[in-house]
Structure formats: C-alpha cells, structure tokens
C-alpha cells in the first residue's frame, strides 16, 4: 500500500530524515516512537506531501506521489488523512460545518457532505455537539471533531501526529479509545506518532523507533520495545518502567504520609514484563 524508499530531508545543515525505508500494508497500524526532533513529524508531512523531501521516493498504491500537482495532489491527500496535534479547526464554523468542509471541497453535494459529516461525528461520539463552535468545546472534543473531519474524507491511510500531546491527561483516553477502535476495524491503515507507550504496545501491529532521522528498530511492538539494543529503545524501556510498570507506585507504597516505611507491596500485573530485564 505505502512504500517509502531512501527518503531524505535536510533543513540547512540539519538532517531531518536520513534515508528512511518504510512499508505499510492495507489496514495495518504502525506506531512511530522516538525523541523529540528525531524526524517523526517530518516523515508524516513528507508522506502527506505537506513537505517535499530532498531525495528518495514515496509510492502509494503503486504510484509515486512526489511529482503530483494540482487536482492529482488534492485527490491523493483525500486518500491520506492527517490528524494534527492542535486540531486546526476553523473557529467560526460549527463542528458539523468543519467536518463537512472537506467533502464539500471534494465535490459532494451539500446533502451528501453534511450526511457524511454527521455520520463521522456520530462515530466519535459528538453528534450532539454538531451545532457547537470550537471555542465552546473541550480540548478532547475539539480533537474528536478533527478526527471526524478526517474520517469524513474516508481515507485509506490516516497519519496521526501526536494527537493526544495537547490534551489534559483526563482527556487522552477518549481520543485513544477512538484510535483503538479504528485500528481494530482494519478499515484504514494508520501511522501513529505517539509517546503513549501502552497504546503502542496494545494497539499497533508494528512499532518503529526513530532516532536522529533514521529508523533504528522495527517489528512486533513488544519485540522492539523490550529486546532492541538501540539506545532509543533503552530509553523508552526506562520510561515505560517508571511510568507504567509500577516503580513509582512501589516507591510510594513503601512510605507512609510522614515518610515512614510501609510494608505493603504493590501488585504488578504479570502480563506486563519488567523492562529492566532487558537493560
């Protein structure tokens, strides 16, 4: 479905992408992890043709997309949706109008475009907010409208650029639940740039780790995270252990409110392997 070959992008002396190779099958979900500035967002923007790479090729459904222009490029972008970090909704339009705008610009009738938009809002649980403007919504609701806007285009591939990074922690789960549902349906392929390690482990079919403009590890998510010897994998294992595998809870459980030790231990779920075993 998608084949990226030797993709390179420079900004002055800085190499953002350094010979990236990547393949994605129809319906597959790929989680893309790595430190800030390693090239993850640049890769997505090159795939969507928001940024033109300096070298390499991107082949989508058998056709190179690097030379597409005009209507051919617009048609390609309708097949490849993009969910941004910061929603990018049009403030003076309602949720329904924001979602319907893409289908209208693609040439659908007003009736069909608004029908698609309403269906997309229903899929993300926001049909009751159809008449609301972005300023009246929470961050989580605005991001769900942005997701509905992408779904209304009925893309074959969705690119997610850290879609939960601008949300309060309590709002993250509602967006991740929608993404997990899309991944389980296999109706569209997805590349997800994320720092949500548990989501990547549980939902993605494959995981790729980027560092300094290169993909340094790729494969089944648990194999990549817990067995790769790449430095970025080691750092992510430590993050996983500290945030998600119970170390903070263990430290706190051994101390009372006044700082005195406590004897009660905290249970660690057996299905989550200790990342420290691989360091």
Protein backbone atom coordinates (compact mmCIF):
# COMPACT_ATOMS: atom_id res chain seq x y z
CA UNK A 1 0.00 0.00 0.00
CA UNK A 2 2.68 2.50 1.09
CA UNK A 3 6.36 2.19 0.30
CA UNK A 4 8.88 4.81 1.42
CA UNK A 5 12.34 4.43 -0.07
CA UNK A 6 15.57 6.20 0.94
CA UNK A 7 13.66 9.30 1.97
CA UNK A 8 15.93 12.22 2.86
CA UNK A 9 15.14 15.72 4.07
CA UNK A 10 17.53 18.46 5.17
CA UNK A 11 16.95 21.83 6.79
CA UNK A 12 20.19 23.67 6.19
CA UNK A 13 22.92 21.60 7.82
CA UNK A 14 20.47 19.56 9.89
CA UNK A 15 19.42 16.17 8.52
CA UNK A 16 15.77 15.62 9.47
CA UNK A 17 15.35 12.35 7.53
CA UNK A 18 18.35 10.21 6.67
CA UNK A 19 17.47 7.52 4.11
CA UNK A 20 14.16 6.30 5.57
CA UNK A 21 12.73 2.98 4.31
CA UNK A 22 9.21 2.07 5.41
CA UNK A 23 6.40 -0.22 4.24
CA UNK A 24 2.76 -0.30 5.32
CA UNK A 25 0.10 -2.84 4.36
CA UNK A 26 -3.63 -2.10 3.95
CA UNK A 27 -5.38 -1.97 7.33
CA UNK A 28 -2.09 -2.08 9.27
CA UNK A 29 -1.34 0.16 12.25
CA UNK A 30 2.25 1.30 12.74
CA UNK A 31 3.29 3.12 15.92
CA UNK A 32 6.20 5.51 15.41
CA UNK A 33 8.13 6.44 18.56
CA UNK A 34 11.28 8.39 19.27
CA UNK A 35 12.64 11.52 20.96
CA UNK A 36 11.52 15.00 20.01
CA UNK A 37 13.31 16.28 16.92
CA UNK A 38 14.17 12.84 15.53
CA UNK A 39 12.13 13.33 12.34
CA UNK A 40 8.81 11.64 13.11
CA UNK A 41 6.59 14.59 12.20
CA UNK A 42 8.73 15.43 9.18
CA UNK A 43 8.23 11.89 7.89
CA UNK A 44 4.45 12.19 8.18
CA UNK A 45 4.47 15.58 6.47
CA UNK A 46 6.55 14.21 3.61
CA UNK A 47 4.15 11.28 3.18
CA UNK A 48 1.20 13.70 3.03
CA UNK A 49 3.16 15.99 0.69
CA UNK A 50 2.99 18.93 3.07
CA UNK A 51 6.79 18.89 2.89
CA UNK A 52 8.78 17.93 -0.20
CA UNK A 53 11.71 15.59 0.52
CA UNK A 54 15.13 16.24 -0.97
CA UNK A 55 15.67 12.67 -2.16
CA UNK A 56 14.01 9.26 -2.19
CA UNK A 57 10.53 8.17 -3.21
CA UNK A 58 7.06 7.64 -1.75
CA UNK A 59 4.85 5.11 -3.55
CA UNK A 60 1.18 4.90 -2.59
CA UNK A 61 -0.99 2.19 -4.13
CA UNK A 62 1.52 1.65 -6.89
CA UNK A 63 2.06 5.31 -7.83
CA UNK A 64 4.88 7.66 -6.90
CA UNK A 65 3.39 10.75 -5.25
CA UNK A 66 6.37 13.11 -5.33
CA UNK A 67 5.51 14.63 -8.70
CA UNK A 68 1.77 15.00 -8.11
CA UNK A 69 0.41 18.51 -8.56
CA UNK A 70 -2.96 20.24 -8.76
CA UNK A 71 -6.04 18.03 -8.69
CA UNK A 72 -3.96 14.84 -8.63
CA UNK A 73 -2.27 16.01 -5.42
CA UNK A 74 -5.60 17.03 -3.88
CA UNK A 75 -7.06 13.61 -4.74
CA UNK A 76 -4.07 11.92 -3.09
CA UNK A 77 -4.47 13.99 0.07
CA UNK A 78 -8.11 12.98 0.29
CA UNK A 79 -6.93 9.36 0.48
CA UNK A 80 -4.31 10.15 3.13
CA UNK A 81 -5.84 11.87 6.15
CA UNK A 82 -3.80 13.85 8.67
CA UNK A 83 -4.75 14.44 12.32
CA UNK A 84 -2.65 17.26 13.77
CA UNK A 85 -1.59 17.93 17.36
CA UNK A 86 -3.50 21.19 17.65
CA UNK A 87 -6.83 20.38 15.93
CA UNK A 88 -6.67 23.20 13.33
CA UNK A 89 -10.43 23.70 13.32
CA UNK A 90 -11.94 26.78 11.69
CA UNK A 91 -13.22 28.82 14.66
CA UNK A 92 -16.24 30.48 13.04
CA UNK A 93 -17.64 27.18 11.72
CA UNK A 94 -19.66 24.71 13.78
CA UNK A 95 -18.41 21.20 14.40
CA UNK A 96 -20.68 19.89 11.65
CA UNK A 97 -19.50 22.55 9.20
CA UNK A 98 -15.84 21.88 9.99
CA UNK A 99 -16.32 18.18 9.26
CA UNK A 100 -18.41 18.75 6.12
CA UNK A 101 -15.95 21.20 4.57
CA UNK A 102 -13.63 18.54 3.13
CA UNK A 103 -16.37 16.53 1.39
CA UNK A 104 -17.85 19.77 0.03
CA UNK A 105 -14.49 20.79 -1.43
CA UNK A 106 -14.17 17.30 -2.94
CA UNK A 107 -17.32 17.97 -4.96
CA UNK A 108 -20.01 16.21 -2.95
CA UNK A 109 -23.45 17.74 -2.80
CA UNK A 110 -24.33 19.70 0.32
CA UNK A 111 -26.77 16.99 1.39
CA UNK A 112 -24.25 14.18 0.99
CA UNK A 113 -21.40 16.15 2.58
CA UNK A 114 -23.43 17.01 5.68
CA UNK A 115 -24.72 13.44 5.90
CA UNK A 116 -21.13 12.17 5.89
CA UNK A 117 -20.17 14.78 8.47
CA UNK A 118 -22.99 13.80 10.80
CA UNK A 119 -22.07 10.11 10.46
CA UNK A 120 -18.44 10.93 11.28
CA UNK A 121 -19.42 12.95 14.35
CA UNK A 122 -21.56 10.05 15.50
CA UNK A 123 -18.59 7.70 15.19
CA UNK A 124 -16.56 9.86 17.58
CA UNK A 125 -19.48 10.37 19.97
CA UNK A 126 -20.08 14.05 19.24
CA UNK A 127 -23.20 14.22 17.11
CA UNK A 128 -24.86 16.10 19.99
CA UNK A 129 -22.23 18.85 19.54
CA UNK A 130 -22.87 19.29 15.81
CA UNK A 131 -24.04 22.91 16.22
CA UNK A 132 -21.29 23.91 18.68
CA UNK A 133 -18.33 26.08 17.75
CA UNK A 134 -14.76 25.04 18.67
CA UNK A 135 -14.47 27.70 21.40
CA UNK A 136 -17.35 26.06 23.28
CA UNK A 137 -15.68 22.62 23.32
CA UNK A 138 -13.06 20.98 25.49
CA UNK A 139 -9.70 20.07 24.02
CA UNK A 140 -10.73 16.43 23.80
CA UNK A 141 -13.91 17.34 21.97
CA UNK A 142 -12.03 19.54 19.52
CA UNK A 143 -9.61 16.72 18.77
CA UNK A 144 -12.52 14.32 18.23
CA UNK A 145 -14.02 16.80 15.76
CA UNK A 146 -10.65 16.87 13.98
CA UNK A 147 -10.74 13.07 13.82
CA UNK A 148 -14.29 13.18 12.45
CA UNK A 149 -13.12 15.67 9.83
CA UNK A 150 -10.54 13.15 8.67
CA UNK A 151 -12.98 10.21 8.76
CA UNK A 152 -15.49 12.11 6.62
CA UNK A 153 -12.97 12.01 3.78
CA UNK A 154 -12.98 8.19 4.01
CA UNK A 155 -9.21 7.90 3.66
CA UNK A 156 -7.27 4.70 3.04
CA UNK A 157 -4.47 5.89 5.34
CA UNK A 158 -4.54 8.16 8.39
CA UNK A 159 -1.42 9.88 9.69
CA UNK A 160 -1.58 10.84 13.39
CA UNK A 161 0.92 13.43 14.63
CA UNK A 162 0.91 13.05 18.43
CA UNK A 163 -2.88 13.54 18.59
CA UNK A 164 -3.01 13.49 22.40
CA UNK A 165 0.00 15.69 23.18
CA UNK A 166 -2.06 18.89 23.50
CA UNK A 167 -4.70 17.31 25.76
CA UNK A 168 -5.10 17.20 29.52
CA UNK A 169 -4.36 13.70 30.86
CA UNK A 170 -8.03 13.10 31.70
CA UNK A 171 -8.97 13.69 28.04
CA UNK A 172 -6.33 11.46 26.49
CA UNK A 173 -8.20 8.18 26.94
CA UNK A 174 -11.27 9.27 24.98
CA UNK A 175 -9.12 10.01 21.93
CA UNK A 176 -7.05 6.84 22.32
CA UNK A 177 -10.26 4.79 22.52
CA UNK A 178 -11.39 6.12 19.14
CA UNK A 179 -8.00 5.37 17.63
CA UNK A 180 -8.02 1.85 19.08
CA UNK A 181 -11.45 1.24 17.58
CA UNK A 182 -10.24 2.34 14.16
CA UNK A 183 -7.17 0.11 14.42
CA UNK A 184 -9.31 -2.88 15.39
CA UNK A 185 -11.65 -2.37 12.45
CA UNK A 186 -8.83 -2.74 9.87
CA UNK A 187 -10.78 -0.43 7.56
CA UNK A 188 -7.92 2.03 7.24
CA UNK A 189 -4.17 1.87 7.64
CA UNK A 190 -2.63 4.17 10.26
CA UNK A 191 0.78 5.58 11.12
CA UNK A 192 0.66 6.93 14.67
CA UNK A 193 3.36 9.20 16.05
CA UNK A 194 2.87 8.90 19.79
CA UNK A 195 4.51 8.92 23.21
CA UNK A 196 1.74 6.70 24.63
CA UNK A 197 3.77 3.51 25.05
CA UNK A 198 0.96 1.25 26.38
CA UNK A 199 -1.24 2.27 23.45
CA UNK A 200 1.55 1.42 21.02
CA UNK A 201 2.09 -1.97 22.65
CA UNK A 202 -1.56 -2.96 22.76
CA UNK A 203 -2.98 -1.46 19.56
CA UNK A 204 -0.24 -1.30 16.92
CA UNK A 205 0.55 -4.19 14.59
CA UNK A 206 4.13 -2.96 14.29
CA UNK A 207 6.37 -0.46 16.04
CA UNK A 208 9.19 1.59 14.54
CA UNK A 209 11.69 3.60 16.57
CA UNK A 210 13.32 6.71 15.12
CA UNK A 211 16.47 8.46 16.26
CA UNK A 212 18.48 11.19 14.52
CA UNK A 213 16.48 10.93 11.31
CA UNK A 214 16.74 7.15 10.96
CA UNK A 215 14.54 4.16 11.74
CA UNK A 216 16.74 2.21 14.16
CA UNK A 217 14.35 -0.62 15.08
CA UNK A 218 11.18 -2.02 13.57
CA UNK A 219 8.95 -5.04 14.13
CA UNK A 220 6.42 -6.53 16.54
CA UNK A 221 5.86 -3.92 19.28
CA UNK A 222 6.96 -5.96 22.30
CA UNK A 223 10.00 -7.34 20.50
CA UNK A 224 11.06 -3.83 19.51
CA UNK A 225 10.49 -2.21 22.89
CA UNK A 226 11.79 -4.94 25.18
CA UNK A 227 14.52 -6.59 23.10
CA UNK A 228 16.04 -3.96 20.82
CA UNK A 229 19.52 -2.80 21.82
CA UNK A 230 19.13 0.58 20.10
CA UNK A 231 19.82 3.44 22.55
CA UNK A 232 16.36 4.94 21.97
CA UNK A 233 14.78 1.59 22.86
CA UNK A 234 16.73 1.51 26.12
CA UNK A 235 15.49 5.00 26.99
CA UNK A 236 11.90 4.08 26.19
CA UNK A 237 12.15 0.95 28.34
CA UNK A 238 13.18 3.09 31.29
CA UNK A 239 10.29 5.47 30.64
CA UNK A 240 7.90 2.53 30.41
CA UNK A 241 9.17 1.03 33.65
CA UNK A 242 8.98 4.31 35.56
CA UNK A 243 5.60 5.47 34.27
CA UNK A 244 3.64 2.33 33.59
CA UNK A 245 5.19 -0.73 35.21
CA UNK A 246 4.83 0.30 38.83
CA UNK A 247 8.13 1.72 40.08
CA UNK A 248 6.60 4.99 41.26
CA UNK A 249 3.79 3.10 42.96
CA UNK A 250 6.29 0.76 44.63
CA UNK A 251 8.32 3.66 45.99
CA UNK A 252 5.24 5.40 47.34
CA UNK A 253 3.80 2.21 48.81
CA UNK A 254 6.89 1.71 50.98
CA UNK A 255 6.48 5.09 52.66
CA UNK A 256 3.68 6.49 54.76
CA UNK A 257 2.42 10.02 54.53
CA UNK A 258 5.03 11.14 57.07
CA UNK A 259 7.83 9.42 55.17
CA UNK A 260 7.92 6.26 57.30
CA UNK A 261 8.34 2.91 55.53
CA UNK A 262 5.29 0.78 54.82
CA UNK A 263 5.38 -2.96 54.48
CA UNK A 264 2.53 -3.35 51.97
CA UNK A 265 3.75 -4.25 48.49
CA UNK A 266 2.04 -3.24 45.30
CA UNK A 267 0.97 -5.90 42.83
CA UNK A 268 2.50 -5.65 39.37
CA UNK A 269 0.33 -7.21 36.66
CA UNK A 270 2.11 -10.32 35.34
CA UNK A 271 1.20 -9.60 31.72
CA UNK A 272 3.43 -6.51 31.69
CA UNK A 273 7.06 -7.69 31.62
CA UNK A 274 9.66 -5.74 33.53
CA UNK A 275 11.56 -3.54 31.12
CA UNK A 276 14.59 -3.65 33.41
CA UNK A 277 15.11 -7.30 32.49
CA UNK A 278 16.29 -6.20 29.07
CA UNK A 279 18.65 -3.40 30.13
